Amino acid sequence: MKPDAEDWIHATGLVIAGHGLLLKGPSGSGKSTLARRLLEMARARGYPSALIGDDRIKIMRYGPTLLAEGH
């Protein structure tokens, strides 16, 4: 199924306990460090978590649903 829309953005993406997060900001602003700390904190509390991608994230829209994919 082809998405209704898609776009690449400069961001770090992660998922924690089924919720997607996008950290946007200029290069060198600490997105990767923040993502790593959030993942460590989530795992320490027993929440399932994963990194989607760092630096470039593809966002796809399927009707009301958004999906994120790493580079």
Protein backbone atom coordinates (compact mmCIF):
# COMPACT_ATOMS: atom_id res chain seq x y z
CA MET A 1 0.00 0.00 0.00
CA LYS A 2 1.41 3.36 -1.03
CA PRO A 3 1.37 6.15 1.59
CA ASP A 4 -0.82 9.22 1.07
CA ALA A 5 2.22 11.41 1.79
CA GLU A 6 5.83 10.98 2.84
CA ASP A 7 8.71 13.24 3.77
CA TRP A 8 12.25 12.96 5.14
CA ILE A 9 13.00 15.19 8.13
CA HIS A 10 16.14 15.96 10.10
CA ALA A 11 15.29 14.38 13.46
CA THR A 12 15.93 11.49 15.83
CA GLY A 13 13.06 9.07 16.24
CA LEU A 14 12.30 6.62 19.00
CA VAL A 15 9.42 4.63 20.40
CA ILE A 16 8.74 4.20 24.11
CA ALA A 17 5.89 2.04 25.40
CA GLY A 18 4.15 2.20 22.02
CA HIS A 19 4.41 5.98 21.66
CA GLY A 20 6.51 7.53 18.91
CA LEU A 21 8.74 10.50 19.64
CA LEU A 22 10.52 12.81 17.22
CA LEU A 23 13.31 15.01 18.51
CA LYS A 24 13.91 17.87 16.09
CA GLY A 25 16.58 20.52 16.21
CA PRO A 26 19.71 21.80 14.55
CA SER A 27 22.76 19.62 14.09
CA GLY A 28 24.79 19.39 17.30
CA SER A 29 21.90 20.40 19.56
CA GLY A 30 21.95 17.14 21.56
CA LYS A 31 19.13 15.12 19.98
CA SER A 32 21.12 11.88 20.00
CA THR A 33 22.23 12.33 23.61
CA LEU A 34 18.68 13.10 24.72
CA ALA A 35 17.34 10.07 22.82
CA ARG A 36 19.92 7.79 24.43
CA ARG A 37 19.05 9.08 27.91
CA LEU A 38 15.30 8.70 27.30
CA LEU A 39 15.80 5.11 26.12
CA GLU A 40 17.96 4.30 29.16
CA MET A 41 15.36 5.79 31.53
CA ALA A 42 12.49 3.95 29.83
CA ARG A 43 14.31 0.61 29.96
CA ALA A 44 15.25 1.14 33.61
CA ARG A 45 11.53 1.52 34.36
CA GLY A 46 10.61 -1.57 32.36
CA TYR A 47 9.07 0.17 29.33
CA PRO A 48 9.72 -1.40 25.93
CA SER A 49 11.68 1.09 23.84
CA ALA A 50 13.71 1.32 20.65
CA LEU A 51 15.55 3.77 18.44
CA ILE A 52 13.85 4.26 15.07
CA GLY A 53 16.66 6.26 13.53
CA ASP A 54 19.12 9.03 14.12
CA ASP A 55 19.59 12.13 11.95
CA ARG A 56 17.11 11.36 9.15
CA ILE A 57 13.59 10.03 9.64
CA LYS A 58 11.07 9.26 6.94
CA ILE A 59 7.50 10.11 7.97
CA MET A 60 4.68 8.45 6.04
CA ARG A 61 0.99 9.18 6.38
CA TYR A 62 -1.64 6.51 5.72
CA GLY A 63 -4.94 8.27 6.30
CA PRO A 64 -4.94 9.22 10.00
CA THR A 65 -1.93 7.01 10.80
CA LEU A 66 1.68 8.23 10.85
CA LEU A 67 4.61 5.83 10.53
CA ALA A 68 8.29 6.64 10.99
CA GLU A 69 11.25 4.85 9.44
CA GLY A 70 14.99 5.34 9.90
CA HIS A 71 17.40 6.03 7.05
